[in-house]
Amino acid sequence: MVLPDRRTIRKYSSEPVDDKLLNDLLMMGCRASTTGNMQVYSIIITRDEEKKRELAPSHFNQKMITEAPVVLTFCA
């Protein structure tokens, strides 16, 4: 079996993420199947620098949270 490539990005461009692109990605992601087709989560989109700093502890204080132009927090 050949598995698709996977990679992790930890450094981000400061270029803002276009609203249409973000909405398209979220729409596709929300259509992905989940266990029992339950989709029991909410997504919080954060662009504000101060709010990202406040959210950092919930993301284990990972540096990338404050560096990324947009942060998606999945709440289950």
Protein backbone atom coordinates (compact mmCIF):
# COMPACT_ATOMS: atom_id res chain seq x y z
CA MET A 1 0.00 0.00 0.00
CA VAL A 2 1.32 3.43 -0.94
CA LEU A 3 0.48 6.16 1.55
CA PRO A 4 0.19 9.81 0.51
CA ASP A 5 2.93 12.16 1.61
CA ARG A 6 2.43 14.03 4.84
CA ARG A 7 4.31 17.01 6.19
CA THR A 8 4.12 19.48 9.03
CA ILE A 9 4.62 23.21 8.51
CA ARG A 10 5.93 25.19 11.49
CA LYS A 11 7.00 28.44 9.82
CA TYR A 12 4.45 30.65 8.16
CA SER A 13 4.35 33.55 5.76
CA SER A 14 2.94 36.73 7.27
CA GLU A 15 0.76 37.08 4.16
CA PRO A 16 -2.93 37.12 5.13
CA VAL A 17 -5.08 34.14 4.14
CA ASP A 18 -7.77 35.13 1.66
CA ASP A 19 -11.32 34.80 3.08
CA LYS A 20 -12.56 32.85 0.05
CA LEU A 21 -9.69 30.35 0.30
CA LEU A 22 -10.24 29.91 4.04
CA ASN A 23 -13.99 29.42 3.56
CA ASP A 24 -13.40 26.90 0.74
CA LEU A 25 -10.94 24.92 2.91
CA LEU A 26 -13.34 24.92 5.87
CA MET A 27 -16.24 23.85 3.65
CA MET A 28 -14.23 20.90 2.29
CA GLY A 29 -12.95 19.97 5.75
CA CYS A 30 -16.42 20.05 7.26
CA ARG A 31 -17.61 17.63 4.60
CA ALA A 32 -15.00 15.04 5.59
CA SER A 33 -16.42 11.99 7.31
CA THR A 34 -16.11 11.53 11.06
CA THR A 35 -16.77 8.56 13.33
CA GLY A 36 -20.46 7.80 13.15
CA ASN A 37 -20.89 10.86 10.90
CA MET A 38 -21.31 12.92 14.08
CA GLN A 39 -19.31 16.10 13.22
CA VAL A 40 -19.36 17.10 16.89
CA TYR A 41 -16.95 20.02 16.79
CA SER A 42 -16.85 23.76 16.33
CA ILE A 43 -14.10 25.75 14.64
CA ILE A 44 -12.93 29.12 15.97
CA ILE A 45 -11.10 31.29 13.42
CA THR A 46 -8.66 33.76 14.97
CA ARG A 47 -6.74 36.48 13.11
CA ASP A 48 -6.37 39.07 15.88
CA GLU A 49 -2.81 39.10 17.33
CA GLU A 50 -3.93 39.67 20.93
CA LYS A 51 -6.53 36.91 20.75
CA LYS A 52 -3.92 34.49 19.32
CA ARG A 53 -1.67 35.24 22.31
CA GLU A 54 -4.60 34.57 24.65
CA LEU A 55 -5.31 31.27 22.88
CA ALA A 56 -1.66 30.12 22.96
CA PRO A 57 -1.97 28.22 26.29
CA SER A 58 -4.83 26.18 24.80
CA HIS A 59 -2.43 25.25 21.98
CA PHE A 60 0.32 24.19 24.41
CA ASN A 61 2.07 27.57 23.93
CA GLN A 62 3.36 26.52 20.54
CA LYS A 63 5.20 29.43 18.92
CA MET A 64 3.48 28.83 15.58
CA ILE A 65 0.12 29.91 17.06
CA THR A 66 1.25 33.52 17.42
CA GLU A 67 3.19 33.47 14.13
CA ALA A 68 0.51 32.13 11.79
CA PRO A 69 -1.67 34.72 10.02
CA VAL A 70 -4.80 32.77 10.94
CA VAL A 71 -5.37 30.12 13.63
CA LEU A 72 -8.11 27.49 13.51
CA THR A 73 -9.06 26.08 16.90
CA PHE A 74 -11.11 22.89 16.77
CA CYS A 75 -13.34 22.37 19.80
CA ALA A 76 -14.78 18.91 20.32
